Amino acid sequence: MIRVLIVDDSAVVRKLLTDELSKYKDIDVVGSAIDPYIARDKIVRFHPDVITLDLNMPRMDGLSFLQKLMKYSPMPVVVVSSLTPKNSESAIRALEMGAVEVICKPNSASASGNISRQLVHAIRAAASARIRRRRKTMESPVVRTPTRHLRLQTTHKVVAIGASTGGTKAIETVLSSLPAKTPGTVIVQHMPEYFTASFAERLNQICKMEVREASEYDNVVPGVALVAPGDKHMLLQKSGTRYHVITKGGPAVHHQRPSVDVLFQSVAHSAGRNAIGVLLTGMGDDGAKGLLAMRESGARTLAQDEQSCIIFGMPKEAIKLGAADEVVSLPHIADTIVTILSQKGIKKQTTKGGGLQ
């Protein structure tokens, strides 16, 4: 049973969340709080497994509370936020501070259906997440120059990255360590609509590559990373000697839109052996079959290892399918990508059981 504490200053939202979560046998709402001070007392009293947290509250805002919580008593937190530009930026900050997931705040018209499923999925993911105490780090100014003196094979190459729970920090770790002239990179991070633009802007501030939210028919070129917009699938297409992306609606895949599998399948079809696929932390199995399709098309494929994952769901499923050429710890993924790109060809020679020779 997952014990949940709801922290929100709106009585309407607290009731909606309580009613929706109470429909699920594996979730027990042990209490609610109108602000962080009451939440602090109820954490001590009820020992919840997961907290849902609003960002705009009286007496103390959600970010300040989250910062204190992660410093003194780290626990899984799901941010439930309204869809506004300001809240999107705050939600990205919350993920940087250690929140596990961000979902859209329901209202009276949307409390059931898709919002309810997203909330339950987020809480289940949070309950199984590895929460680590955050250390304060100093950010260095961005210098858009290569970090390694290797001759990268960038022509006609594509790097595809997929992630879900815990993926914002994982993607940041990888991208911020890649050279400015890394081949065109396409990224799916499970995240609500509007939040992906803030995520891309944040990455652009700290990475050597240019990072932006993808638009229809954006070219995939060296030095640019494109993040799939929330609530739209992103696919890679080839036109002559160039790659571009298209974004579209359509049914959710593995309950996700954008879906990693949709992206990876398109990369397998359009780029084949000219691609590198990277599957990072996340709950479920989105991306596993797509990574396998990439490997079978000749691409090099990497999966994040269990120890460095917040949730070892998606990489685990890919590894079980034999989709990963290498299982790599998060701090070494960028170096592995650069090493592959410094070789004359991307595709590896494999033994009967798979793996690098």
Foldseek 3Di string as FASTA:
>chain_A
DFEEEEEALDPQLVVLLQVLQVVDPVYDDPYYYNHLVVVVVVCVVPVGQEYEAEQDGPPDGRLVSLLVCLQPPDHEYEYAYAPDLVRLLVVLVSVVSFHFYYAYRDHPVGSDDLRSVVVVQSSVLRSQFDTDRDDDDDADFADLAAPDPFDFQAFLAEEEEEEEGSVLVLVLLQQQNGHQFHWFYEYEYFHAAPSVQSSQVVSCRRGSARGGADDAFAWRGTRYYYYDGHQWAKEWADDVRTITIGIHHDDADQSTVHFLLRHLQRCCVHRQLRYEYEYEADAAATNLVSLQSNVVSQHAYEYEDDVQHRHCHRSVSNVVVVSHQYHYHSNCPNVVSRVCRSDPGNGADADPSHHHD
